[in-house]
Amino acid sequence: GGMIYIHQSLQNGRILEYIDHHPQDKGIADTTYYIGQGYYLFQNLPQATTYFLRVAQRYPKHPKAEPAYFYYLQALVDSMTLPRTQIVEGYLSYMEKFPDGAHAELVQNRIDTYRTGGN
């Protein structure tokens, strides 16, 4: 019963509503991040971006903020809906926010690749 309720709450937006109305509750940042990871794993990229961006924007000092922003950008790239210039802008924003982040070297490599015309 519990898993069905959670699934239904994800589908009908109740969990996101709870997250939005209780941003300071203990564990919300982690929970939001892991929901994003679940959506990313199952390639529901629009939902993944929603959850990842909430973590990065609302909890910029949280340990999950950096990976959340990286996976937010990765989900956007994976969805293949953004032009190259916007992808580069997103990666530049990452570097501005997390210059020493765990994904900084990879992000810089991607910026360089996009700027030189690679994929």
PDB file of N, CA and C in Angstrom:
ATOM      1  N   GLY A   1       0.795  -1.190   0.000  1.00  0.00           N
ATOM      2  CA  GLY A   1       0.000   0.000   0.000  1.00  0.00           C
ATOM      3  C   GLY A   1       0.840   1.257   0.000  1.00  0.00           C
ATOM      4  N   GLY A   2       1.947   1.280   0.731  1.00  0.00           N
ATOM      5  CA  GLY A   2       2.753   2.488   0.853  1.00  0.00           C
ATOM      6  C   GLY A   2       3.389   2.920  -0.454  1.00  0.00           C
ATOM      7  N   MET A   3       3.916   1.949  -1.195  1.00  0.00           N
ATOM      8  CA  MET A   3       4.559   2.274  -2.473  1.00  0.00           C
ATOM      9  C   MET A   3       3.536   2.777  -3.494  1.00  0.00           C
ATOM     10  N   ILE A   4       2.341   2.202  -3.451  1.00  0.00           N
ATOM     11  CA  ILE A   4       1.295   2.662  -4.366  1.00  0.00           C
ATOM     12  C   ILE A   4       0.925   4.106  -4.042  1.00  0.00           C
ATOM     13  N   TYR A   5       0.813   4.411  -2.759  1.00  0.00           N
ATOM     14  CA  TYR A   5       0.484   5.778  -2.344  1.00  0.00           C
ATOM     15  C   TYR A   5       1.571   6.761  -2.789  1.00  0.00           C
ATOM     16  N   ILE A   6       2.814   6.375  -2.613  1.00  0.00           N
ATOM     17  CA  ILE A   6       3.918   7.244  -3.036  1.00  0.00           C
ATOM     18  C   ILE A   6       3.871   7.458  -4.546  1.00  0.00           C
ATOM     19  N   HIS A   7       3.672   6.381  -5.279  1.00  0.00           N
ATOM     20  CA  HIS A   7       3.579   6.494  -6.740  1.00  0.00           C
ATOM     21  C   HIS A   7       2.435   7.427  -7.140  1.00  0.00           C
ATOM     22  N   GLN A   8       1.277   7.240  -6.530  1.00  0.00           N
ATOM     23  CA  GLN A   8       0.135   8.098  -6.841  1.00  0.00           C
ATOM     24  C   GLN A   8       0.426   9.552  -6.467  1.00  0.00           C
ATOM     25  N   SER A   9       1.107   9.753  -5.358  1.00  0.00           N
ATOM     26  CA  SER A   9       1.428  11.117  -4.916  1.00  0.00           C
ATOM     27  C   SER A   9       2.432  11.788  -5.841  1.00  0.00           C
ATOM     28  N   LEU A  10       3.318  11.005  -6.409  1.00  0.00           N
ATOM     29  CA  LEU A  10       4.231  11.555  -7.410  1.00  0.00           C
ATOM     30  C   LEU A  10       3.457  11.924  -8.677  1.00  0.00           C
ATOM     31  N   GLN A  11       2.573  11.034  -9.090  1.00  0.00           N
ATOM     32  CA  GLN A  11       1.822  11.239 -10.328  1.00  0.00           C
ATOM     33  C   GLN A  11       0.866  12.421 -10.241  1.00  0.00           C
ATOM     34  N   ASN A  12       0.200  12.591  -9.113  1.00  0.00           N
ATOM     35  CA  ASN A  12      -0.791  13.657  -9.019  1.00  0.00           C
ATOM     36  C   ASN A  12      -0.225  14.963  -8.467  1.00  0.00           C
ATOM     37  N   GLY A  13       1.064  14.992  -8.205  1.00  0.00           N
ATOM     38  CA  GLY A  13       1.710  16.233  -7.789  1.00  0.00           C
ATOM     39  C   GLY A  13       1.671  16.532  -6.303  1.00  0.00           C
ATOM     40  N   ARG A  14       1.131  15.625  -5.503  1.00  0.00           N
ATOM     41  CA  ARG A  14       1.048  15.891  -4.064  1.00  0.00           C
ATOM     42  C   ARG A  14       2.418  15.983  -3.403  1.00  0.00           C
ATOM     43  N   ILE A  15       3.349  15.161  -3.846  1.00  0.00           N
ATOM     44  CA  ILE A  15       4.681  15.217  -3.236  1.00  0.00           C
ATOM     45  C   ILE A  15       5.356  16.543  -3.573  1.00  0.00           C
ATOM     46  N   LEU A  16       5.262  16.961  -4.816  1.00  0.00           N
ATOM     47  CA  LEU A  16       5.854  18.244  -5.200  1.00  0.00           C
ATOM     48  C   LEU A  16       5.179  19.392  -4.445  1.00  0.00           C
ATOM     49  N   GLU A  17       3.874  19.302  -4.268  1.00  0.00           N
ATOM     50  CA  GLU A  17       3.143  20.318  -3.503  1.00  0.00           C
ATOM     51  C   GLU A  17       3.648  20.351  -2.060  1.00  0.00           C
ATOM     52  N   TYR A  18       3.841  19.185  -1.472  1.00  0.00           N
ATOM     53  CA  TYR A  18       4.369  19.119  -0.109  1.00  0.00           C
ATOM     54  C   TYR A  18       5.758  19.746  -0.046  1.00  0.00           C
ATOM     55  N   ILE A  19       6.601  19.388  -0.987  1.00  0.00           N
ATOM     56  CA  ILE A  19       7.960  19.943  -1.030  1.00  0.00           C
ATOM     57  C   ILE A  19       7.910  21.469  -1.126  1.00  0.00           C
ATOM     58  N   ASP A  20       7.035  21.971  -1.966  1.00  0.00           N
ATOM     59  CA  ASP A  20       6.927  23.418  -2.156  1.00  0.00           C
ATOM     60  C   ASP A  20       6.392  24.141  -0.925  1.00  0.00           C
ATOM     61  N   HIS A  21       5.561  23.480  -0.136  1.00  0.00           N
ATOM     62  CA  HIS A  21       4.971  24.115   1.041  1.00  0.00           C
ATOM     63  C   HIS A  21       5.761  23.861   2.333  1.00  0.00           C
ATOM     64  N   HIS A  22       6.732  22.978   2.286  1.00  0.00           N
ATOM     65  CA  HIS A  22       7.529  22.652   3.477  1.00  0.00           C
ATOM     66  C   HIS A  22       9.025  22.624   3.137  1.00  0.00           C
ATOM     67  N   PRO A  23       9.540  23.689   2.537  1.00  0.00           N
ATOM     68  CA  PRO A  23      10.931  23.651   2.064  1.00  0.00           C
ATOM     69  C   PRO A  23      11.978  23.512   3.175  1.00  0.00           C
ATOM     70  N   GLN A  24      11.628  23.868   4.403  1.00  0.00           N
ATOM     71  CA  GLN A  24      12.612  23.821   5.478  1.00  0.00           C
ATOM     72  C   GLN A  24      12.543  22.556   6.314  1.00  0.00           C
ATOM     73  N   ASP A  25      11.598  21.668   6.001  1.00  0.00           N
ATOM     74  CA  ASP A  25      11.520  20.420   6.762  1.00  0.00           C
ATOM     75  C   ASP A  25      12.804  19.618   6.595  1.00  0.00           C
ATOM     76  N   LYS A  26      13.170  18.948   7.672  1.00  0.00           N
ATOM     77  CA  LYS A  26      14.376  18.130   7.641  1.00  0.00           C
ATOM     78  C   LYS A  26      14.264  17.062   6.556  1.00  0.00           C
ATOM     79  N   GLY A  27      15.290  16.940   5.749  1.00  0.00           N
ATOM     80  CA  GLY A  27      15.343  15.904   4.740  1.00  0.00           C
ATOM     81  C   GLY A  27      14.716  16.263   3.402  1.00  0.00           C
ATOM     82  N   ILE A  28      14.085  17.430   3.294  1.00  0.00           N
ATOM     83  CA  ILE A  28      13.410  17.798   2.045  1.00  0.00           C
ATOM     84  C   ILE A  28      14.416  17.945   0.906  1.00  0.00           C
ATOM     85  N   ALA A  29      15.551  18.568   1.142  1.00  0.00           N
ATOM     86  CA  ALA A  29      16.542  18.746   0.074  1.00  0.00           C
ATOM     87  C   ALA A  29      17.024  17.387  -0.442  1.00  0.00           C
ATOM     88  N   ASP A  30      17.355  16.497   0.471  1.00  0.00           N
ATOM     89  CA  ASP A  30      17.807  15.154   0.064  1.00  0.00           C
ATOM     90  C   ASP A  30      16.697  14.401  -0.659  1.00  0.00           C
ATOM     91  N   THR A  31      15.506  14.438  -0.110  1.00  0.00           N
ATOM     92  CA  THR A  31      14.378  13.733  -0.723  1.00  0.00           C
ATOM     93  C   THR A  31      14.113  14.254  -2.127  1.00  0.00           C
ATOM     94  N   THR A  32      14.125  15.560  -2.274  1.00  0.00           N
ATOM     95  CA  THR A  32      13.883  16.173  -3.578  1.00  0.00           C
ATOM     96  C   THR A  32      14.948  15.729  -4.573  1.00  0.00           C
ATOM     97  N   TYR A  33      16.196  15.716  -4.141  1.00  0.00           N
ATOM     98  CA  TYR A  33      17.296  15.273  -5.000  1.00  0.00           C
ATOM     99  C   TYR A  33      17.093  13.818  -5.440  1.00  0.00           C
ATOM    100  N   TYR A  34      16.768  12.950  -4.490  1.00  0.00           N
ATOM    101  CA  TYR A  34      16.639  11.532  -4.827  1.00  0.00           C
ATOM    102  C   TYR A  34      15.410  11.246  -5.688  1.00  0.00           C
ATOM    103  N   ILE A  35      14.358  12.018  -5.536  1.00  0.00           N
ATOM    104  CA  ILE A  35      13.221  11.883  -6.451  1.00  0.00           C
ATOM    105  C   ILE A  35      13.675  12.261  -7.860  1.00  0.00           C
ATOM    106  N   GLY A  36      14.458  13.343  -7.965  1.00  0.00           N
ATOM    107  CA  GLY A  36      15.013  13.731  -9.266  1.00  0.00           C
ATOM    108  C   GLY A  36      15.862  12.615  -9.857  1.00  0.00           C
ATOM    109  N   GLN A  37      16.666  11.971  -9.039  1.00  0.00           N
ATOM    110  CA  GLN A  37      17.495  10.864  -9.512  1.00  0.00           C
ATOM    111  C   GLN A  37      16.628   9.717 -10.022  1.00  0.00           C
ATOM    112  N   GLY A  38      15.544   9.428  -9.325  1.00  0.00           N
ATOM    113  CA  GLY A  38      14.643   8.367  -9.768  1.00  0.00           C
ATOM    114  C   GLY A  38      14.039   8.683 -11.126  1.00  0.00           C
ATOM    115  N   TYR A  39      13.583   9.914 -11.279  1.00  0.00           N
ATOM    116  CA  TYR A  39      13.034  10.305 -12.573  1.00  0.00           C
ATOM    117  C   TYR A  39      14.108  10.259 -13.659  1.00  0.00           C
ATOM    118  N   TYR A  40      15.317  10.686 -13.313  1.00  0.00           N
ATOM    119  CA  TYR A  40      16.410  10.662 -14.293  1.00  0.00           C
ATOM    120  C   TYR A  40      16.718   9.214 -14.699  1.00  0.00           C
ATOM    121  N   LEU A  41      16.780   8.341 -13.725  1.00  0.00           N
ATOM    122  CA  LEU A  41      17.059   6.937 -13.990  1.00  0.00           C
ATOM    123  C   LEU A  41      16.062   6.337 -14.985  1.00  0.00           C
ATOM    124  N   PHE A  42      14.797   6.714 -14.839  1.00  0.00           N
ATOM    125  CA  PHE A  42      13.765   6.200 -15.728  1.00  0.00           C
ATOM    126  C   PHE A  42      13.519   7.097 -16.934  1.00  0.00           C
ATOM    127  N   GLN A  43      14.433   8.046 -17.130  1.00  0.00           N
ATOM    128  CA  GLN A  43      14.424   8.930 -18.293  1.00  0.00           C
ATOM    129  C   GLN A  43      13.165   9.784 -18.421  1.00  0.00           C
ATOM    130  N   ASN A  44      12.565  10.134 -17.290  1.00  0.00           N
ATOM    131  CA  ASN A  44      11.500  11.123 -17.288  1.00  0.00           C
ATOM    132  C   ASN A  44      12.210  12.459 -17.041  1.00  0.00           C
ATOM    133  N   LEU A  45      12.808  12.982 -18.102  1.00  0.00           N
ATOM    134  CA  LEU A  45      13.703  14.131 -17.985  1.00  0.00           C
ATOM    135  C   LEU A  45      13.002  15.415 -17.561  1.00  0.00           C
ATOM    136  N   PRO A  46      11.794  15.704 -18.043  1.00  0.00           N
ATOM    137  CA  PRO A  46      11.137  16.923 -17.557  1.00  0.00           C
ATOM    138  C   PRO A  46      10.910  16.910 -16.043  1.00  0.00           C
ATOM    139  N   GLN A  47      10.484  15.771 -15.510  1.00  0.00           N
ATOM    140  CA  GLN A  47      10.289  15.686 -14.058  1.00  0.00           C
ATOM    141  C   GLN A  47      11.625  15.744 -13.324  1.00  0.00           C
ATOM    142  N   ALA A  48      12.639  15.093 -13.860  1.00  0.00           N
ATOM    143  CA  ALA A  48      13.960  15.130 -13.230  1.00  0.00           C
ATOM    144  C   ALA A  48      14.461  16.570 -13.118  1.00  0.00           C
ATOM    145  N   THR A  49      14.322  17.336 -14.197  1.00  0.00           N
ATOM    146  CA  THR A  49      14.802  18.728 -14.154  1.00  0.00           C
ATOM    147  C   THR A  49      14.054  19.528 -13.102  1.00  0.00           C
ATOM    148  N   THR A  50      12.765  19.279 -12.957  1.00  0.00           N
ATOM    149  CA  THR A  50      11.960  19.996 -11.956  1.00  0.00           C
ATOM    150  C   THR A  50      12.532  19.795 -10.559  1.00  0.00           C
ATOM    151  N   TYR A  51      12.795  18.557 -10.204  1.00  0.00           N
ATOM    152  CA  TYR A  51      13.281  18.260  -8.855  1.00  0.00           C
ATOM    153  C   TYR A  51      14.727  18.701  -8.654  1.00  0.00           C
ATOM    154  N   PHE A  52      15.581  18.461  -9.631  1.00  0.00           N
ATOM    155  CA  PHE A  52      16.979  18.873  -9.500  1.00  0.00           C
ATOM    156  C   PHE A  52      17.103  20.392  -9.368  1.00  0.00           C
ATOM    157  N   LEU A  53      16.363  21.121 -10.171  1.00  0.00           N
ATOM    158  CA  LEU A  53      16.469  22.580 -10.127  1.00  0.00           C
ATOM    159  C   LEU A  53      15.984  23.120  -8.789  1.00  0.00           C
ATOM    160  N   ARG A  54      14.953  22.515  -8.222  1.00  0.00           N
ATOM    161  CA  ARG A  54      14.483  22.963  -6.905  1.00  0.00           C
ATOM    162  C   ARG A  54      15.592  22.841  -5.865  1.00  0.00           C
ATOM    163  N   VAL A  55      16.314  21.746  -5.888  1.00  0.00           N
ATOM    164  CA  VAL A  55      17.399  21.564  -4.916  1.00  0.00           C
ATOM    165  C   VAL A  55      18.469  22.627  -5.126  1.00  0.00           C
ATOM    166  N   ALA A  56      18.897  22.800  -6.364  1.00  0.00           N
ATOM    167  CA  ALA A  56      19.981  23.743  -6.655  1.00  0.00           C
ATOM    168  C   ALA A  56      19.593  25.180  -6.314  1.00  0.00           C
ATOM    169  N   GLN A  57      18.368  25.558  -6.581  1.00  0.00           N
ATOM    170  CA  GLN A  57      17.935  26.932  -6.334  1.00  0.00           C
ATOM    171  C   GLN A  57      17.600  27.192  -4.872  1.00  0.00           C
ATOM    172  N   ARG A  58      16.925  26.278  -4.241  1.00  0.00           N
ATOM    173  CA  ARG A  58      16.440  26.513  -2.877  1.00  0.00           C
ATOM    174  C   ARG A  58      17.465  26.212  -1.788  1.00  0.00           C
ATOM    175  N   TYR A  59      18.417  25.358  -2.104  1.00  0.00           N
ATOM    176  CA  TYR A  59      19.391  24.941  -1.097  1.00  0.00           C
ATOM    177  C   TYR A  59      20.808  25.071  -1.656  1.00  0.00           C
ATOM    178  N   PRO A  60      21.223  26.277  -2.044  1.00  0.00           N
ATOM    179  CA  PRO A  60      22.515  26.437  -2.725  1.00  0.00           C
ATOM    180  C   PRO A  60      23.729  26.040  -1.887  1.00  0.00           C
ATOM    181  N   LYS A  61      23.578  25.978  -0.579  1.00  0.00           N
ATOM    182  CA  LYS A  61      24.699  25.589   0.297  1.00  0.00           C
ATOM    183  C   LYS A  61      24.633  24.120   0.704  1.00  0.00           C
ATOM    184  N   HIS A  62      23.585  23.429   0.310  1.00  0.00           N
ATOM    185  CA  HIS A  62      23.406  22.010   0.667  1.00  0.00           C
ATOM    186  C   HIS A  62      24.391  21.155  -0.140  1.00  0.00           C
ATOM    187  N   PRO A  63      24.885  20.064   0.450  1.00  0.00           N
ATOM    188  CA  PRO A  63      25.807  19.183  -0.293  1.00  0.00           C
ATOM    189  C   PRO A  63      25.234  18.626  -1.598  1.00  0.00           C
ATOM    190  N   LYS A  64      23.923  18.536  -1.716  1.00  0.00           N
ATOM    191  CA  LYS A  64      23.310  18.016  -2.944  1.00  0.00           C
ATOM    192  C   LYS A  64      23.083  19.104  -3.997  1.00  0.00           C
ATOM    193  N   ALA A  65      23.329  20.362  -3.680  1.00  0.00           N
ATOM    194  CA  ALA A  65      23.085  21.455  -4.638  1.00  0.00           C
ATOM    195  C   ALA A  65      23.952  21.313  -5.882  1.00  0.00           C
ATOM    196  N   GLU A  66      25.219  21.008  -5.695  1.00  0.00           N
ATOM    197  CA  GLU A  66      26.126  20.883  -6.848  1.00  0.00           C
ATOM    198  C   GLU A  66      25.746  19.715  -7.753  1.00  0.00           C
ATOM    199  N   PRO A  67      25.596  18.493  -7.226  1.00  0.00           N
ATOM    200  CA  PRO A  67      25.209  17.421  -8.142  1.00  0.00           C
ATOM    201  C   PRO A  67      23.810  17.632  -8.727  1.00  0.00           C
ATOM    202  N   ALA A  68      22.921  18.258  -7.964  1.00  0.00           N
ATOM    203  CA  ALA A  68      21.573  18.514  -8.489  1.00  0.00           C
ATOM    204  C   ALA A  68      21.643  19.442  -9.694  1.00  0.00           C
ATOM    205  N   TYR A  69      22.469  20.465  -9.615  1.00  0.00           N
ATOM    206  CA  TYR A  69      22.572  21.386 -10.747  1.00  0.00           C
ATOM    207  C   TYR A  69      23.234  20.707 -11.945  1.00  0.00           C
ATOM    208  N   PHE A  70      24.237  19.903 -11.662  1.00  0.00           N
ATOM    209  CA  PHE A  70      24.881  19.168 -12.753  1.00  0.00           C
ATOM    210  C   PHE A  70      23.878  18.247 -13.442  1.00  0.00           C
ATOM    211  N   TYR A  71      23.104  17.479 -12.669  1.00  0.00           N
ATOM    212  CA  TYR A  71      22.140  16.558 -13.276  1.00  0.00           C
ATOM    213  C   TYR A  71      20.963  17.295 -13.909  1.00  0.00           C
ATOM    214  N   TYR A  72      20.635  18.456 -13.397  1.00  0.00           N
ATOM    215  CA  TYR A  72      19.639  19.299 -14.058  1.00  0.00           C
ATOM    216  C   TYR A  72      20.109  19.613 -15.477  1.00  0.00           C
ATOM    217  N   LEU A  73      21.367  20.067 -15.597  1.00  0.00           N
ATOM    218  CA  LEU A  73      21.924  20.372 -16.926  1.00  0.00           C
ATOM    219  C   LEU A  73      22.028  19.117 -17.785  1.00  0.00           C
ATOM    220  N   GLN A  74      22.434  18.016 -17.176  1.00  0.00           N
ATOM    221  CA  GLN A  74      22.568  16.760 -17.929  1.00  0.00           C
ATOM    222  C   GLN A  74      21.216  16.320 -18.480  1.00  0.00           C
ATOM    223  N   ALA A  75      20.170  16.461 -17.681  1.00  0.00           N
ATOM    224  CA  ALA A  75      18.833  16.087 -18.151  1.00  0.00           C
ATOM    225  C   ALA A  75      18.394  16.986 -19.304  1.00  0.00           C
ATOM    226  N   LEU A  76      18.745  18.261 -19.237  1.00  0.00           N
ATOM    227  CA  LEU A  76      18.425  19.169 -20.345  1.00  0.00           C
ATOM    228  C   LEU A  76      19.170  18.754 -21.613  1.00  0.00           C
ATOM    229  N   VAL A  77      20.446  18.415 -21.466  1.00  0.00           N
ATOM    230  CA  VAL A  77      21.244  17.967 -22.613  1.00  0.00           C
ATOM    231  C   VAL A  77      20.658  16.664 -23.163  1.00  0.00           C
ATOM    232  N   ASP A  78      20.347  15.729 -22.276  1.00  0.00           N
ATOM    233  CA  ASP A  78      19.805  14.442 -22.699  1.00  0.00           C
ATOM    234  C   ASP A  78      18.468  14.580 -23.429  1.00  0.00           C
ATOM    235  N   SER A  79      17.702  15.588 -23.064  1.00  0.00           N
ATOM    236  CA  SER A  79      16.401  15.776 -23.703  1.00  0.00           C
ATOM    237  C   SER A  79      16.531  16.348 -25.114  1.00  0.00           C
ATOM    238  N   MET A  80      17.706  16.844 -25.442  1.00  0.00           N
ATOM    239  CA  MET A  80      18.018  17.372 -26.775  1.00  0.00           C
ATOM    240  C   MET A  80      17.018  18.435 -27.235  1.00  0.00           C
ATOM    241  N   THR A  81      16.598  19.282 -26.312  1.00  0.00           N
ATOM    242  CA  THR A  81      15.648  20.335 -26.664  1.00  0.00           C
ATOM    243  C   THR A  81      16.273  21.720 -26.679  1.00  0.00           C
ATOM    244  N   LEU A  82      17.506  21.826 -26.208  1.00  0.00           N
ATOM    245  CA  LEU A  82      18.143  23.142 -26.125  1.00  0.00           C
ATOM    246  C   LEU A  82      19.192  23.327 -27.202  1.00  0.00           C
ATOM    247  N   PRO A  83      19.286  24.537 -27.735  1.00  0.00           N
ATOM    248  CA  PRO A  83      20.379  24.815 -28.667  1.00  0.00           C
ATOM    249  C   PRO A  83      21.714  24.837 -27.926  1.00  0.00           C
ATOM    250  N   ARG A  84      22.754  24.620 -28.684  1.00  0.00           N
ATOM    251  CA  ARG A  84      24.113  24.569 -28.133  1.00  0.00           C
ATOM    252  C   ARG A  84      24.449  25.801 -27.284  1.00  0.00           C
ATOM    253  N   THR A  85      24.027  26.978 -27.725  1.00  0.00           N
ATOM    254  CA  THR A  85      24.358  28.206 -26.980  1.00  0.00           C
ATOM    255  C   THR A  85      23.751  28.185 -25.582  1.00  0.00           C
ATOM    256  N   GLN A  86      22.537  27.672 -25.448  1.00  0.00           N
ATOM    257  CA  GLN A  86      21.914  27.606 -24.130  1.00  0.00           C
ATOM    258  C   GLN A  86      22.572  26.543 -23.249  1.00  0.00           C
ATOM    259  N   ILE A  87      23.023  25.482 -23.862  1.00  0.00           N
ATOM    260  CA  ILE A  87      23.742  24.456 -23.103  1.00  0.00           C
ATOM    261  C   ILE A  87      25.030  25.051 -22.531  1.00  0.00           C
ATOM    262  N   VAL A  88      25.759  25.770 -23.360  1.00  0.00           N
ATOM    263  CA  VAL A  88      26.992  26.412 -22.899  1.00  0.00           C
ATOM    264  C   VAL A  88      26.680  27.403 -21.786  1.00  0.00           C
ATOM    265  N   GLU A  89      25.622  28.180 -21.939  1.00  0.00           N
ATOM    266  CA  GLU A  89      25.235  29.136 -20.890  1.00  0.00           C
ATOM    267  C   GLU A  89      24.955  28.411 -19.576  1.00  0.00           C
ATOM    268  N   GLY A  90      24.273  27.278 -19.662  1.00  0.00           N
ATOM    269  CA  GLY A  90      23.995  26.491 -18.461  1.00  0.00           C
ATOM    270  C   GLY A  90      25.267  25.992 -17.803  1.00  0.00           C
ATOM    271  N   TYR A  91      26.185  25.503 -18.609  1.00  0.00           N
ATOM    272  CA  TYR A  91      27.459  25.029 -18.060  1.00  0.00           C
ATOM    273  C   TYR A  91      28.279  26.180 -17.474  1.00  0.00           C
ATOM    274  N   LEU A  92      28.245  27.336 -18.116  1.00  0.00           N
ATOM    275  CA  LEU A  92      28.945  28.504 -17.564  1.00  0.00           C
ATOM    276  C   LEU A  92      28.338  28.910 -16.221  1.00  0.00           C
ATOM    277  N   SER A  93      27.025  28.815 -16.132  1.00  0.00           N
ATOM    278  CA  SER A  93      26.347  29.103 -14.868  1.00  0.00           C
ATOM    279  C   SER A  93      26.788  28.126 -13.779  1.00  0.00           C
ATOM    280  N   TYR A  94      26.916  26.855 -14.153  1.00  0.00           N
ATOM    281  CA  TYR A  94      27.416  25.857 -13.204  1.00  0.00           C
ATOM    282  C   TYR A  94      28.794  26.277 -12.695  1.00  0.00           C
ATOM    283  N   MET A  95      29.689  26.649 -13.618  1.00  0.00           N
ATOM    284  CA  MET A  95      31.063  27.010 -13.234  1.00  0.00           C
ATOM    285  C   MET A  95      31.082  28.236 -12.328  1.00  0.00           C
ATOM    286  N   GLU A  96      30.152  29.142 -12.558  1.00  0.00           N
ATOM    287  CA  GLU A  96      30.055  30.336 -11.718  1.00  0.00           C
ATOM    288  C   GLU A  96      29.605  29.960 -10.307  1.00  0.00           C
ATOM    289  N   LYS A  97      28.626  29.069 -10.222  1.00  0.00           N
ATOM    290  CA  LYS A  97      28.073  28.667  -8.927  1.00  0.00           C
ATOM    291  C   LYS A  97      28.970  27.680  -8.175  1.00  0.00           C
ATOM    292  N   PHE A  98      29.608  26.774  -8.922  1.00  0.00           N
ATOM    293  CA  PHE A  98      30.367  25.680  -8.294  1.00  0.00           C
ATOM    294  C   PHE A  98      31.739  25.530  -8.951  1.00  0.00           C
ATOM    295  N   PRO A  99      32.591  26.559  -8.877  1.00  0.00           N
ATOM    296  CA  PRO A  99      33.886  26.486  -9.569  1.00  0.00           C
ATOM    297  C   PRO A  99      34.776  25.342  -9.079  1.00  0.00           C
ATOM    298  N   ASP A 100      34.565  24.894  -7.853  1.00  0.00           N
ATOM    299  CA  ASP A 100      35.346  23.794  -7.302  1.00  0.00           C
ATOM    300  C   ASP A 100      34.496  22.548  -7.118  1.00  0.00           C
ATOM    301  N   GLY A 101      33.368  22.477  -7.818  1.00  0.00           N
ATOM    302  CA  GLY A 101      32.447  21.361  -7.674  1.00  0.00           C
ATOM    303  C   GLY A 101      33.018  20.053  -8.179  1.00  0.00           C
ATOM    304  N   ALA A 102      32.420  18.979  -7.746  1.00  0.00           N
ATOM    305  CA  ALA A 102      32.875  17.639  -8.128  1.00  0.00           C
ATOM    306  C   ALA A 102      32.821  17.412  -9.633  1.00  0.00           C
ATOM    307  N   HIS A 103      31.943  18.129 -10.340  1.00  0.00           N
ATOM    308  CA  HIS A 103      31.791  17.957 -11.778  1.00  0.00           C
ATOM    309  C   HIS A 103      32.434  19.091 -12.579  1.00  0.00           C
ATOM    310  N   ALA A 104      33.173  19.968 -11.911  1.00  0.00           N
ATOM    311  CA  ALA A 104      33.713  21.168 -12.563  1.00  0.00           C
ATOM    312  C   ALA A 104      34.636  20.836 -13.740  1.00  0.00           C
ATOM    313  N   GLU A 105      35.501  19.875 -13.581  1.00  0.00           N
ATOM    314  CA  GLU A 105      36.424  19.532 -14.668  1.00  0.00           C
ATOM    315  C   GLU A 105      35.656  18.997 -15.886  1.00  0.00           C
ATOM    316  N   LEU A 106      34.703  18.125 -15.639  1.00  0.00           N
ATOM    317  CA  LEU A 106      33.881  17.587 -16.719  1.00  0.00           C
ATOM    318  C   LEU A 106      33.081  18.702 -17.406  1.00  0.00           C
ATOM    319  N   VAL A 107      32.510  19.590 -16.613  1.00  0.00           N
ATOM    320  CA  VAL A 107      31.736  20.700 -17.165  1.00  0.00           C
ATOM    321  C   VAL A 107      32.635  21.601 -18.010  1.00  0.00           C
ATOM    322  N   GLN A 108      33.823  21.908 -17.518  1.00  0.00           N
ATOM    323  CA  GLN A 108      34.740  22.748 -18.300  1.00  0.00           C
ATOM    324  C   GLN A 108      35.115  22.073 -19.612  1.00  0.00           C
ATOM    325  N   ASN A 109      35.342  20.779 -19.573  1.00  0.00           N
ATOM    326  CA  ASN A 109      35.636  20.031 -20.806  1.00  0.00           C
ATOM    327  C   ASN A 109      34.476  20.119 -21.785  1.00  0.00           C
ATOM    328  N   ARG A 110      33.268  20.035 -21.278  1.00  0.00           N
ATOM    329  CA  ARG A 110      32.095  20.136 -22.152  1.00  0.00           C
ATOM    330  C   ARG A 110      31.956  21.538 -22.737  1.00  0.00           C
ATOM    331  N   ILE A 111      32.235  22.543 -21.944  1.00  0.00           N
ATOM    332  CA  ILE A 111      32.202  23.923 -22.454  1.00  0.00           C
ATOM    333  C   ILE A 111      33.194  24.052 -23.604  1.00  0.00           C
ATOM    334  N   ASP A 112      34.396  23.578 -23.377  1.00  0.00           N
ATOM    335  CA  ASP A 112      35.438  23.657 -24.408  1.00  0.00           C
ATOM    336  C   ASP A 112      35.025  22.897 -25.669  1.00  0.00           C
ATOM    337  N   THR A 113      34.446  21.716 -25.473  1.00  0.00           N
ATOM    338  CA  THR A 113      34.013  20.906 -26.616  1.00  0.00           C
ATOM    339  C   THR A 113      32.921  21.609 -27.406  1.00  0.00           C
ATOM    340  N   TYR A 114      31.920  22.112 -26.707  1.00  0.00           N
ATOM    341  CA  TYR A 114      30.835  22.818 -27.402  1.00  0.00           C
ATOM    342  C   TYR A 114      31.328  24.055 -28.140  1.00  0.00           C
ATOM    343  N   ARG A 115      32.246  24.752 -27.530  1.00  0.00           N
ATOM    344  CA  ARG A 115      32.754  25.988 -28.141  1.00  0.00           C
ATOM    345  C   ARG A 115      33.605  25.709 -29.383  1.00  0.00           C
ATOM    346  N   THR A 116      34.227  24.535 -29.414  1.00  0.00           N
ATOM    347  CA  THR A 116      35.058  24.211 -30.580  1.00  0.00           C
ATOM    348  C   THR A 116      34.285  23.448 -31.640  1.00  0.00           C
ATOM    349  N   GLY A 117      32.991  23.251 -31.403  1.00  0.00           N
ATOM    350  CA  GLY A 117      32.153  22.625 -32.425  1.00  0.00           C
ATOM    351  C   GLY A 117      31.959  21.145 -32.281  1.00  0.00           C
ATOM    352  N   GLY A 118      32.458  20.550 -31.220  1.00  0.00           N
ATOM    353  CA  GLY A 118      32.260  19.107 -31.007  1.00  0.00           C
ATOM    354  C   GLY A 118      30.907  18.838 -30.420  1.00  0.00           C
ATOM    355  N   ASN A 119      30.613  17.561 -30.192  1.00  0.00           N
ATOM    356  CA  ASN A 119      29.309  17.206 -29.598  1.00  0.00           C
ATOM    357  C   ASN A 119      29.470  16.743 -28.195  1.00  0.00           C
TER     358      ASN A 119
END
